[in-house]
Amino acid sequence: MQHIFTSLPELGLEVARLRRDKGMTQKELGKLAGMGQSTLARFETGQVAEFGSRKLLRLLEVLGHGVLIASVRTEFTLDDALAQRQQETAQPVGAWRPR
C-alpha cells in the first residue's frame, strides 16, 4: 500500500506505526538503524525540524520499506504565485503615475 506524506511529523508517525507493526521497540529499531532511541523518539513524535535522508532511508530499510517519488498536484503552484505577483505589480494602461 502506498501513502503520500507531506510533512516530517506525518512521516515520523508512519515510521512509528511500521515499527509497532513489526513488534519492535524504539531502542531495537534505533540500534539496527544506527541511531539513538531518543533521536528516533523525537522523529516519531514530530519533535525534529530536520531529519537526515540517510537516517530516514536506513530506518525504512530496516523496516522493509522504501521511498517512492510521486508527482503531487497542490492547490497553489509556483506558476500560480508568479502569475499572482505579475497581476499585483502590473499597473493598468493609462493609469496615473506620479512624476
Foldseek 3Di string as FASTA:
>chain_A
DDDDDDDQQVLLLVLVVLCVVVVHQLCVLCVQLVHHSVVSVCSNRVNDPDDDPSSVQSSQVVSVHHDDDDDDDDPADPVNVVVVVCVVPDDDPPDDDDD
